[in-house]
Amino acid sequence: MIPNDFETALPYLPVRVTIRLPILETSIEVTVTKEQDMTTPVPAAPSSPSAVPSAGTTGRLLVVDDEEGIRSMLTMALEFLGYRVTSASTGRQALQAVTRYDPELILLDVNLPDLSGFEVCRTLRDRGNAVPVLFLTGLGGVDDRVRGLDMGGDDFVSKPFELKEIAARVRALLRRSGGGHPAPDRNRLRAGAVQLDTDAHQVWAAGRPVDLTTTEFALLRYLMENPGRVLSRGQIQERVWNHRDEGSGVVDTYIYYVRRKLGEPGQSLIRTVRGVGYQLCAN
């Protein structure tokens, strides 16, 4: 369903229209095509200082909806408010994005073309991922809401929705989950979908806790403290094992252990540099 703001423009497609989004207190221009798709909109200059997003607004969000108009509108509005947003149009794409992007909150449409939003949420919970899920749904029945909550969802918004309600629920869920902090935790290292807490001695991959031995933790920490830098096997041995033996295969063995435990995120995160050593890919 195309939001009401867009419906007035449909008889005149293709056109460039100016839409006022109350939540942003500003106007934006977007191009709407005959297929009712949008190019990436660029916000115009805010009409007043109150339209500028708060510098403390942060958080990685994943927007999942198969309707391009809704997906683009939500992405645009949430990015304007200061969030970092990625998007997906199917359930399988959403599961892949969670692994790669490690979002702090998912806005998840229930009616997707492959897996339903309920199935996506259940799959995440079965994997041990507790990322908050805000369902976007045209289903208004109590039974549907109960089913979504039983699958592990955290909140619902019914379509058609108001952007200011979406923003309020996103803020509430991030507060509740501890996500979206304005300042980064100095004791937590992050690389892709992997996080490492140096004080708590804990590691997460795509939101899933990972159990590492003391040596495996020290190895991963050293790599994460040096993102993008190629570390030789000798350097790694000196830091992790306090000795240097270039002929030993211990580094390769423990890299294999760490990659295996991290799962898919670890395969792309730790790169082998032939003849030299290993590199943690920051992006």
C-alpha atoms as a PDB file:
ATOM      1  CA  MET A   1       0.000   0.000   0.000  1.00  0.00           C
ATOM      2  CA  ILE A   2       1.380   3.419  -0.971  1.00  0.00           C
ATOM      3  CA  PRO A   3       1.108   5.945   1.876  1.00  0.00           C
ATOM      4  CA  ASN A   4      -1.564   8.639   1.505  1.00  0.00           C
ATOM      5  CA  ASP A   5       1.036  11.330   0.895  1.00  0.00           C
ATOM      6  CA  PHE A   6       2.060   9.589  -2.332  1.00  0.00           C
ATOM      7  CA  GLU A   7      -1.427   8.800  -3.615  1.00  0.00           C
ATOM      8  CA  THR A   8      -2.108  12.402  -4.610  1.00  0.00           C
ATOM      9  CA  ALA A   9       0.796  12.279  -7.051  1.00  0.00           C
ATOM     10  CA  LEU A  10      -0.112   9.030  -8.797  1.00  0.00           C
ATOM     11  CA  PRO A  11      -2.404  10.463 -11.548  1.00  0.00           C
ATOM     12  CA  TYR A  12       0.442  12.691 -12.728  1.00  0.00           C
ATOM     13  CA  LEU A  13       3.299  10.177 -12.847  1.00  0.00           C
ATOM     14  CA  PRO A  14       6.130  10.531 -13.543  1.00  0.00           C
ATOM     15  CA  VAL A  15       6.546  13.784 -11.639  1.00  0.00           C
ATOM     16  CA  ARG A  16       8.786  15.401  -9.078  1.00  0.00           C
ATOM     17  CA  VAL A  17       6.738  16.098  -5.984  1.00  0.00           C
ATOM     18  CA  THR A  18       7.437  17.786  -2.687  1.00  0.00           C
ATOM     19  CA  ILE A  19       6.156  15.898   0.340  1.00  0.00           C
ATOM     20  CA  ARG A  20       5.995  17.246   3.861  1.00  0.00           C
ATOM     21  CA  LEU A  21       6.761  14.656   6.530  1.00  0.00           C
ATOM     22  CA  PRO A  22       5.433  15.888   9.880  1.00  0.00           C
ATOM     23  CA  ILE A  23       7.935  13.889  11.887  1.00  0.00           C
ATOM     24  CA  LEU A  24      10.831  15.610  10.110  1.00  0.00           C
ATOM     25  CA  GLU A  25       9.264  19.092  10.212  1.00  0.00           C
ATOM     26  CA  THR A  26      10.717  19.713   6.776  1.00  0.00           C
ATOM     27  CA  SER A  27      10.051  19.092   3.101  1.00  0.00           C
ATOM     28  CA  ILE A  28      11.783  16.657   0.795  1.00  0.00           C
ATOM     29  CA  GLU A  29      11.710  16.144  -2.939  1.00  0.00           C
ATOM     30  CA  VAL A  30      11.446  12.669  -4.441  1.00  0.00           C
ATOM     31  CA  THR A  31      11.018  11.324  -7.944  1.00  0.00           C
ATOM     32  CA  VAL A  32       8.158   8.859  -8.357  1.00  0.00           C
ATOM     33  CA  THR A  33       8.171   6.614 -11.435  1.00  0.00           C
ATOM     34  CA  LYS A  34       5.270   4.951 -13.198  1.00  0.00           C
ATOM     35  CA  GLU A  35       6.079   1.749 -11.342  1.00  0.00           C
ATOM     36  CA  GLN A  36       5.543   3.672  -8.082  1.00  0.00           C
ATOM     37  CA  ASP A  37       9.217   3.299  -7.175  1.00  0.00           C
ATOM     38  CA  MET A  38      11.385   6.087  -5.841  1.00  0.00           C
ATOM     39  CA  THR A  39      14.957   7.096  -6.421  1.00  0.00           C
ATOM     40  CA  THR A  40      16.945   7.732  -3.291  1.00  0.00           C
ATOM     41  CA  PRO A  41      15.428  10.978  -1.968  1.00  0.00           C
ATOM     42  CA  VAL A  42      17.647  13.798  -0.801  1.00  0.00           C
ATOM     43  CA  PRO A  43      16.292  15.886   2.078  1.00  0.00           C
ATOM     44  CA  ALA A  44      16.092  19.596   1.389  1.00  0.00           C
ATOM     45  CA  ALA A  45      17.561  22.077   3.819  1.00  0.00           C
ATOM     46  CA  PRO A  46      15.632  21.982   7.102  1.00  0.00           C
ATOM     47  CA  SER A  47      13.073  24.747   7.406  1.00  0.00           C
ATOM     48  CA  SER A  48      13.927  25.375  11.053  1.00  0.00           C
ATOM     49  CA  PRO A  49      16.614  24.403  13.594  1.00  0.00           C
ATOM     50  CA  SER A  50      14.164  21.984  15.212  1.00  0.00           C
ATOM     51  CA  ALA A  51      14.212  19.914  12.009  1.00  0.00           C
ATOM     52  CA  VAL A  52      17.869  18.950  12.472  1.00  0.00           C
ATOM     53  CA  PRO A  53      18.242  15.453  13.940  1.00  0.00           C
ATOM     54  CA  SER A  54      19.714  15.142  17.394  1.00  0.00           C
ATOM     55  CA  ALA A  55      23.427  14.411  17.371  1.00  0.00           C
ATOM     56  CA  GLY A  56      22.814  11.694  19.969  1.00  0.00           C
ATOM     57  CA  THR A  57      20.500   9.679  17.723  1.00  0.00           C
ATOM     58  CA  THR A  58      22.319   6.523  16.671  1.00  0.00           C
ATOM     59  CA  GLY A  59      21.537   2.912  15.981  1.00  0.00           C
ATOM     60  CA  ARG A  60      21.791   0.376  13.180  1.00  0.00           C
ATOM     61  CA  LEU A  61      18.349  -0.445  11.795  1.00  0.00           C
ATOM     62  CA  LEU A  62      17.190  -3.014   9.252  1.00  0.00           C
ATOM     63  CA  VAL A  63      13.999  -2.211   7.314  1.00  0.00           C
ATOM     64  CA  VAL A  64      12.334  -5.234   5.681  1.00  0.00           C
ATOM     65  CA  ASP A  65       9.352  -4.700   3.372  1.00  0.00           C
ATOM     66  CA  ASP A  66       8.605  -5.961  -0.135  1.00  0.00           C
ATOM     67  CA  GLU A  67       6.901  -2.689  -1.137  1.00  0.00           C
ATOM     68  CA  GLU A  68       9.519  -0.308  -2.511  1.00  0.00           C
ATOM     69  CA  GLY A  69       7.547   2.819  -1.624  1.00  0.00           C
ATOM     70  CA  ILE A  70       7.237   1.936   2.051  1.00  0.00           C
ATOM     71  CA  ARG A  71      10.815   0.636   2.267  1.00  0.00           C
ATOM     72  CA  SER A  72      12.268   3.781   0.700  1.00  0.00           C
ATOM     73  CA  MET A  73      10.119   6.115   2.781  1.00  0.00           C
ATOM     74  CA  LEU A  74      11.092   4.446   6.058  1.00  0.00           C
ATOM     75  CA  THR A  75      14.774   4.313   5.116  1.00  0.00           C
ATOM     76  CA  MET A  76      14.798   7.983   4.151  1.00  0.00           C
ATOM     77  CA  ALA A  77      12.967   9.176   7.258  1.00  0.00           C
ATOM     78  CA  LEU A  78      15.012   7.104   9.711  1.00  0.00           C
ATOM     79  CA  GLU A  79      18.314   8.105   8.114  1.00  0.00           C
ATOM     80  CA  PHE A  80      17.269  11.737   8.380  1.00  0.00           C
ATOM     81  CA  LEU A  81      16.719  11.191  12.103  1.00  0.00           C
ATOM     82  CA  GLY A  82      20.323  10.001  12.424  1.00  0.00           C
ATOM     83  CA  TYR A  83      19.990   6.216  12.250  1.00  0.00           C
ATOM     84  CA  ARG A  84      22.122   4.015  10.015  1.00  0.00           C
ATOM     85  CA  VAL A  85      19.709   2.008   7.896  1.00  0.00           C
ATOM     86  CA  THR A  86      19.971  -0.936   5.537  1.00  0.00           C
ATOM     87  CA  SER A  87      17.031  -2.620   3.862  1.00  0.00           C
ATOM     88  CA  ALA A  88      15.789  -5.913   2.430  1.00  0.00           C
ATOM     89  CA  SER A  89      12.743  -6.921   0.411  1.00  0.00           C
ATOM     90  CA  THR A  90      12.419 -10.633   1.281  1.00  0.00           C
ATOM     91  CA  GLY A  91      12.717 -12.817   4.348  1.00  0.00           C
ATOM     92  CA  ARG A  92      15.835 -14.580   3.115  1.00  0.00           C
ATOM     93  CA  GLN A  93      17.512 -11.270   2.325  1.00  0.00           C
ATOM     94  CA  ALA A  94      16.634 -10.137   5.842  1.00  0.00           C
ATOM     95  CA  LEU A  95      18.321 -13.155   7.436  1.00  0.00           C
ATOM     96  CA  GLN A  96      21.447 -12.554   5.340  1.00  0.00           C
ATOM     97  CA  ALA A  97      21.451  -8.855   6.264  1.00  0.00           C
ATOM     98  CA  VAL A  98      21.256  -9.689   9.965  1.00  0.00           C
ATOM     99  CA  THR A  99      24.391 -11.821   9.642  1.00  0.00           C
ATOM    100  CA  ARG A 100      26.322  -9.177   7.714  1.00  0.00           C
ATOM    101  CA  TYR A 101      25.008  -5.999   9.312  1.00  0.00           C
ATOM    102  CA  ASP A 102      24.203  -6.970  12.932  1.00  0.00           C
ATOM    103  CA  PRO A 103      21.307  -4.489  13.337  1.00  0.00           C
ATOM    104  CA  GLU A 104      20.199  -3.230  16.735  1.00  0.00           C
ATOM    105  CA  LEU A 105      16.538  -3.268  15.670  1.00  0.00           C
ATOM    106  CA  ILE A 106      14.521  -4.726  12.769  1.00  0.00           C
ATOM    107  CA  LEU A 107      11.381  -3.180  11.283  1.00  0.00           C
ATOM    108  CA  LEU A 108       9.871  -6.315   9.762  1.00  0.00           C
ATOM    109  CA  ASP A 109       6.878  -6.599   7.427  1.00  0.00           C
ATOM    110  CA  VAL A 110       4.728  -9.639   8.179  1.00  0.00           C
ATOM    111  CA  ASN A 111       3.618 -10.383   4.600  1.00  0.00           C
ATOM    112  CA  LEU A 112       6.825 -11.075   2.652  1.00  0.00           C
ATOM    113  CA  PRO A 113       6.964 -12.977  -0.661  1.00  0.00           C
ATOM    114  CA  ASP A 114       9.043 -15.933   0.571  1.00  0.00           C
ATOM    115  CA  LEU A 115       9.253 -16.303   4.354  1.00  0.00           C
ATOM    116  CA  SER A 116       6.712 -14.473   6.467  1.00  0.00           C
ATOM    117  CA  GLY A 117       7.928 -11.944   9.000  1.00  0.00           C
ATOM    118  CA  PHE A 118       6.831 -14.369  11.721  1.00  0.00           C
ATOM    119  CA  GLU A 119       9.065 -17.097  10.232  1.00  0.00           C
ATOM    120  CA  VAL A 120      12.012 -14.711   9.990  1.00  0.00           C
ATOM    121  CA  CYS A 121      11.608 -13.730  13.628  1.00  0.00           C
ATOM    122  CA  ARG A 122      11.303 -17.332  14.771  1.00  0.00           C
ATOM    123  CA  THR A 123      14.447 -18.272  12.815  1.00  0.00           C
ATOM    124  CA  LEU A 124      16.394 -15.470  14.499  1.00  0.00           C
ATOM    125  CA  ARG A 125      15.232 -16.552  17.949  1.00  0.00           C
ATOM    126  CA  ASP A 126      16.094 -20.184  17.202  1.00  0.00           C
ATOM    127  CA  ARG A 127      19.617 -18.996  16.345  1.00  0.00           C
ATOM    128  CA  GLY A 128      19.871 -17.239  19.692  1.00  0.00           C
ATOM    129  CA  ASN A 129      19.604 -13.735  18.218  1.00  0.00           C
ATOM    130  CA  ALA A 130      17.606 -11.454  20.526  1.00  0.00           C
ATOM    131  CA  VAL A 131      17.587  -8.335  18.308  1.00  0.00           C
ATOM    132  CA  PRO A 132      14.329  -6.377  18.902  1.00  0.00           C
ATOM    133  CA  VAL A 133      11.719  -6.843  16.152  1.00  0.00           C
ATOM    134  CA  LEU A 134       9.026  -4.279  15.338  1.00  0.00           C
ATOM    135  CA  PHE A 135       6.422  -5.901  13.094  1.00  0.00           C
ATOM    136  CA  LEU A 136       4.808  -3.842  10.322  1.00  0.00           C
ATOM    137  CA  THR A 137       1.477  -5.431   9.515  1.00  0.00           C
ATOM    138  CA  GLY A 138      -1.873  -4.991   7.857  1.00  0.00           C
ATOM    139  CA  LEU A 139      -3.223  -7.765  10.073  1.00  0.00           C
ATOM    140  CA  GLY A 140      -5.382  -6.279  12.782  1.00  0.00           C
ATOM    141  CA  GLY A 141      -6.632  -9.370  14.603  1.00  0.00           C
ATOM    142  CA  VAL A 142      -5.677 -10.118  18.189  1.00  0.00           C
ATOM    143  CA  ASP A 143      -4.733 -13.700  17.240  1.00  0.00           C
ATOM    144  CA  ASP A 144      -2.216 -12.438  14.679  1.00  0.00           C
ATOM    145  CA  ARG A 145      -0.626 -10.121  17.226  1.00  0.00           C
ATOM    146  CA  VAL A 146      -0.454 -12.884  19.816  1.00  0.00           C
ATOM    147  CA  ARG A 147       1.170 -15.190  17.259  1.00  0.00           C
ATOM    148  CA  GLY A 148       3.792 -12.562  16.420  1.00  0.00           C
ATOM    149  CA  LEU A 149       4.622 -11.974  20.071  1.00  0.00           C
ATOM    150  CA  ASP A 150       4.820 -15.725  20.677  1.00  0.00           C
ATOM    151  CA  MET A 151       7.301 -15.966  17.784  1.00  0.00           C
ATOM    152  CA  GLY A 152       9.555 -13.527  19.612  1.00  0.00           C
ATOM    153  CA  GLY A 153       8.406 -10.163  18.294  1.00  0.00           C
ATOM    154  CA  ASP A 154       8.623  -7.108  20.526  1.00  0.00           C
ATOM    155  CA  ASP A 155       6.028  -4.683  19.133  1.00  0.00           C
ATOM    156  CA  PHE A 156       3.530  -4.066  16.315  1.00  0.00           C
ATOM    157  CA  VAL A 157       2.611  -1.126  14.096  1.00  0.00           C
ATOM    158  CA  SER A 158      -0.431  -1.440  11.840  1.00  0.00           C
ATOM    159  CA  LYS A 159      -0.475  -0.231   8.236  1.00  0.00           C
ATOM    160  CA  PRO A 160      -1.147   2.481   7.256  1.00  0.00           C
ATOM    161  CA  PHE A 161       1.057   4.024   9.915  1.00  0.00           C
ATOM    162  CA  GLU A 162       2.223   7.468  10.987  1.00  0.00           C
ATOM    163  CA  LEU A 163       5.953   8.098  10.768  1.00  0.00           C
ATOM    164  CA  LYS A 164       5.983   9.801  14.163  1.00  0.00           C
ATOM    165  CA  GLU A 165       4.598   6.592  15.716  1.00  0.00           C
ATOM    166  CA  ILE A 166       7.299   4.523  14.002  1.00  0.00           C
ATOM    167  CA  ALA A 167       9.988   6.879  15.333  1.00  0.00           C
ATOM    168  CA  ALA A 168       8.575   6.756  18.867  1.00  0.00           C
ATOM    169  CA  ARG A 169       8.425   2.953  18.908  1.00  0.00           C
ATOM    170  CA  VAL A 170      11.960   2.685  17.506  1.00  0.00           C
ATOM    171  CA  ARG A 171      13.271   4.959  20.259  1.00  0.00           C
ATOM    172  CA  ALA A 172      11.398   2.976  22.929  1.00  0.00           C
ATOM    173  CA  LEU A 173      12.673  -0.398  21.723  1.00  0.00           C
ATOM    174  CA  LEU A 174      16.258   0.843  21.482  1.00  0.00           C
ATOM    175  CA  ARG A 175      16.051   2.249  25.019  1.00  0.00           C
ATOM    176  CA  ARG A 176      14.634  -1.020  26.295  1.00  0.00           C
ATOM    177  CA  SER A 177      17.298  -3.131  24.604  1.00  0.00           C
ATOM    178  CA  GLY A 178      20.191  -0.815  25.403  1.00  0.00           C
ATOM    179  CA  GLY A 179      20.834  -0.102  21.705  1.00  0.00           C
ATOM    180  CA  GLY A 180      21.285   3.253  20.039  1.00  0.00           C
ATOM    181  CA  HIS A 181      23.577   4.743  22.670  1.00  0.00           C
ATOM    182  CA  PRO A 182      24.877   8.208  21.770  1.00  0.00           C
ATOM    183  CA  ALA A 183      28.412   7.320  22.805  1.00  0.00           C
ATOM    184  CA  PRO A 184      30.239   4.074  21.958  1.00  0.00           C
ATOM    185  CA  ASP A 185      31.306   1.675  24.694  1.00  0.00           C
ATOM    186  CA  ARG A 186      35.068   2.057  24.976  1.00  0.00           C
ATOM    187  CA  ASN A 187      35.389  -1.513  26.245  1.00  0.00           C
ATOM    188  CA  ARG A 188      33.670  -3.018  23.205  1.00  0.00           C
ATOM    189  CA  LEU A 189      35.398  -3.657  19.893  1.00  0.00           C
ATOM    190  CA  ARG A 190      33.321  -4.024  16.732  1.00  0.00           C
ATOM    191  CA  ALA A 191      34.153  -5.375  13.273  1.00  0.00           C
ATOM    192  CA  GLY A 192      31.330  -6.113  10.884  1.00  0.00           C
ATOM    193  CA  ALA A 193      28.808  -8.342  12.655  1.00  0.00           C
ATOM    194  CA  VAL A 194      31.294  -9.296  15.413  1.00  0.00           C
ATOM    195  CA  GLN A 195      31.532  -7.571  18.794  1.00  0.00           C
ATOM    196  CA  LEU A 196      34.056  -8.203  21.557  1.00  0.00           C
ATOM    197  CA  ASP A 197      33.776  -6.903  25.125  1.00  0.00           C
ATOM    198  CA  THR A 198      37.241  -6.663  26.637  1.00  0.00           C
ATOM    199  CA  ASP A 199      35.994  -6.310  30.229  1.00  0.00           C
ATOM    200  CA  ALA A 200      33.257  -8.940  30.228  1.00  0.00           C
ATOM    201  CA  HIS A 201      35.385 -11.296  28.091  1.00  0.00           C
ATOM    202  CA  GLN A 202      32.413 -11.919  25.795  1.00  0.00           C
ATOM    203  CA  VAL A 203      32.026 -12.172  22.033  1.00  0.00           C
ATOM    204  CA  TRP A 204      28.952 -11.954  19.803  1.00  0.00           C
ATOM    205  CA  ALA A 205      28.607 -12.798  16.098  1.00  0.00           C
ATOM    206  CA  ALA A 206      25.478 -11.378  14.431  1.00  0.00           C
ATOM    207  CA  GLY A 207      23.941 -11.012  17.896  1.00  0.00           C
ATOM    208  CA  ARG A 208      24.722 -14.623  18.846  1.00  0.00           C
ATOM    209  CA  PRO A 209      26.993 -15.209  21.874  1.00  0.00           C
ATOM    210  CA  VAL A 210      30.204 -17.059  20.980  1.00  0.00           C
ATOM    211  CA  ASP A 211      32.108 -19.156  23.504  1.00  0.00           C
ATOM    212  CA  LEU A 212      35.870 -18.725  23.002  1.00  0.00           C
ATOM    213  CA  THR A 213      38.765 -20.112  24.991  1.00  0.00           C
ATOM    214  CA  THR A 214      41.214 -17.694  26.594  1.00  0.00           C
ATOM    215  CA  THR A 215      43.698 -18.127  23.744  1.00  0.00           C
ATOM    216  CA  GLU A 216      41.030 -17.777  21.046  1.00  0.00           C
ATOM    217  CA  PHE A 217      39.740 -14.612  22.734  1.00  0.00           C
ATOM    218  CA  ALA A 218      43.253 -13.117  22.907  1.00  0.00           C
ATOM    219  CA  LEU A 219      43.824 -13.908  19.220  1.00  0.00           C
ATOM    220  CA  LEU A 220      40.538 -12.336  18.109  1.00  0.00           C
ATOM    221  CA  ARG A 221      41.110  -9.302  20.326  1.00  0.00           C
ATOM    222  CA  TYR A 222      44.555  -8.695  18.807  1.00  0.00           C
ATOM    223  CA  LEU A 223      43.105  -8.834  15.302  1.00  0.00           C
ATOM    224  CA  MET A 224      40.216  -6.519  16.222  1.00  0.00           C
ATOM    225  CA  GLU A 225      42.568  -4.022  17.821  1.00  0.00           C
ATOM    226  CA  ASN A 226      44.401  -3.791  14.493  1.00  0.00           C
ATOM    227  CA  PRO A 227      41.698  -3.601  11.792  1.00  0.00           C
ATOM    228  CA  GLY A 228      43.027  -3.500   8.252  1.00  0.00           C
ATOM    229  CA  ARG A 229      46.603  -4.197   9.355  1.00  0.00           C
ATOM    230  CA  VAL A 230      48.343  -7.327   8.029  1.00  0.00           C
ATOM    231  CA  LEU A 231      49.790  -9.193  11.018  1.00  0.00           C
ATOM    232  CA  SER A 232      52.484 -11.788  10.486  1.00  0.00           C
ATOM    233  CA  ARG A 233      52.332 -15.150  12.191  1.00  0.00           C
ATOM    234  CA  GLY A 234      55.368 -14.136  14.218  1.00  0.00           C
ATOM    235  CA  GLN A 235      53.686 -10.957  15.459  1.00  0.00           C
ATOM    236  CA  ILE A 236      50.595 -12.908  16.461  1.00  0.00           C
ATOM    237  CA  GLN A 237      52.681 -15.517  18.292  1.00  0.00           C
ATOM    238  CA  GLU A 238      54.563 -12.857  20.248  1.00  0.00           C
ATOM    239  CA  ARG A 239      51.345 -11.133  21.303  1.00  0.00           C
ATOM    240  CA  VAL A 240      49.197 -14.189  22.063  1.00  0.00           C
ATOM    241  CA  TRP A 241      51.741 -16.875  23.051  1.00  0.00           C
ATOM    242  CA  ASN A 242      54.683 -14.661  24.138  1.00  0.00           C
ATOM    243  CA  HIS A 243      57.152 -16.436  21.847  1.00  0.00           C
ATOM    244  CA  ARG A 244      58.040 -16.468  18.161  1.00  0.00           C
ATOM    245  CA  ASP A 245      58.297 -19.599  16.020  1.00  0.00           C
ATOM    246  CA  GLU A 246      57.665 -18.895  12.339  1.00  0.00           C
ATOM    247  CA  GLY A 247      57.621 -22.594  11.478  1.00  0.00           C
ATOM    248  CA  SER A 248      54.877 -23.475  13.918  1.00  0.00           C
ATOM    249  CA  GLY A 249      51.340 -24.032  12.640  1.00  0.00           C
ATOM    250  CA  VAL A 250      49.702 -23.013  15.910  1.00  0.00           C
ATOM    251  CA  VAL A 251      48.504 -19.639  14.564  1.00  0.00           C
ATOM    252  CA  ASP A 252      46.828 -21.235  11.537  1.00  0.00           C
ATOM    253  CA  THR A 253      45.155 -23.804  13.773  1.00  0.00           C
ATOM    254  CA  TYR A 254      43.706 -21.205  16.136  1.00  0.00           C
ATOM    255  CA  ILE A 255      42.595 -18.959  13.263  1.00  0.00           C
ATOM    256  CA  TYR A 256      40.631 -21.970  12.010  1.00  0.00           C
ATOM    257  CA  TYR A 257      39.081 -22.439  15.457  1.00  0.00           C
ATOM    258  CA  VAL A 258      38.039 -18.778  15.713  1.00  0.00           C
ATOM    259  CA  ARG A 259      36.594 -18.669  12.209  1.00  0.00           C
ATOM    260  CA  ARG A 260      34.601 -21.826  12.823  1.00  0.00           C
ATOM    261  CA  LYS A 261      33.136 -20.543  16.075  1.00  0.00           C
ATOM    262  CA  LEU A 262      32.233 -17.153  14.611  1.00  0.00           C
ATOM    263  CA  GLY A 263      30.398 -18.866  11.765  1.00  0.00           C
ATOM    264  CA  GLU A 264      29.637 -16.979   8.555  1.00  0.00           C
ATOM    265  CA  PRO A 265      30.787 -13.557   9.885  1.00  0.00           C
ATOM    266  CA  GLY A 266      34.210 -15.004  10.701  1.00  0.00           C
ATOM    267  CA  GLN A 267      34.821 -16.356   7.207  1.00  0.00           C
ATOM    268  CA  SER A 268      34.754 -12.918   5.597  1.00  0.00           C
ATOM    269  CA  LEU A 269      36.118 -11.024   8.600  1.00  0.00           C
ATOM    270  CA  ILE A 270      39.522 -12.730   8.925  1.00  0.00           C
ATOM    271  CA  ARG A 271      41.451 -12.708   5.643  1.00  0.00           C
ATOM    272  CA  THR A 272      44.457 -14.899   4.919  1.00  0.00           C
ATOM    273  CA  VAL A 273      47.381 -13.019   3.334  1.00  0.00           C
ATOM    274  CA  ARG A 274      49.427 -15.732   1.673  1.00  0.00           C
ATOM    275  CA  GLY A 275      53.024 -15.908   2.720  1.00  0.00           C
ATOM    276  CA  VAL A 276      52.555 -13.246   5.398  1.00  0.00           C
ATOM    277  CA  GLY A 277      49.793 -13.804   7.939  1.00  0.00           C
ATOM    278  CA  TYR A 278      46.285 -12.535   8.585  1.00  0.00           C
ATOM    279  CA  GLN A 279      44.257  -9.367   8.276  1.00  0.00           C
ATOM    280  CA  LEU A 280      41.020  -8.326   9.934  1.00  0.00           C
ATOM    281  CA  CYS A 281      38.811  -6.757   7.262  1.00  0.00           C
ATOM    282  CA  ALA A 282      37.135  -3.756   8.893  1.00  0.00           C
ATOM    283  CA  ASN A 283      34.362  -3.475   6.259  1.00  0.00           C
END
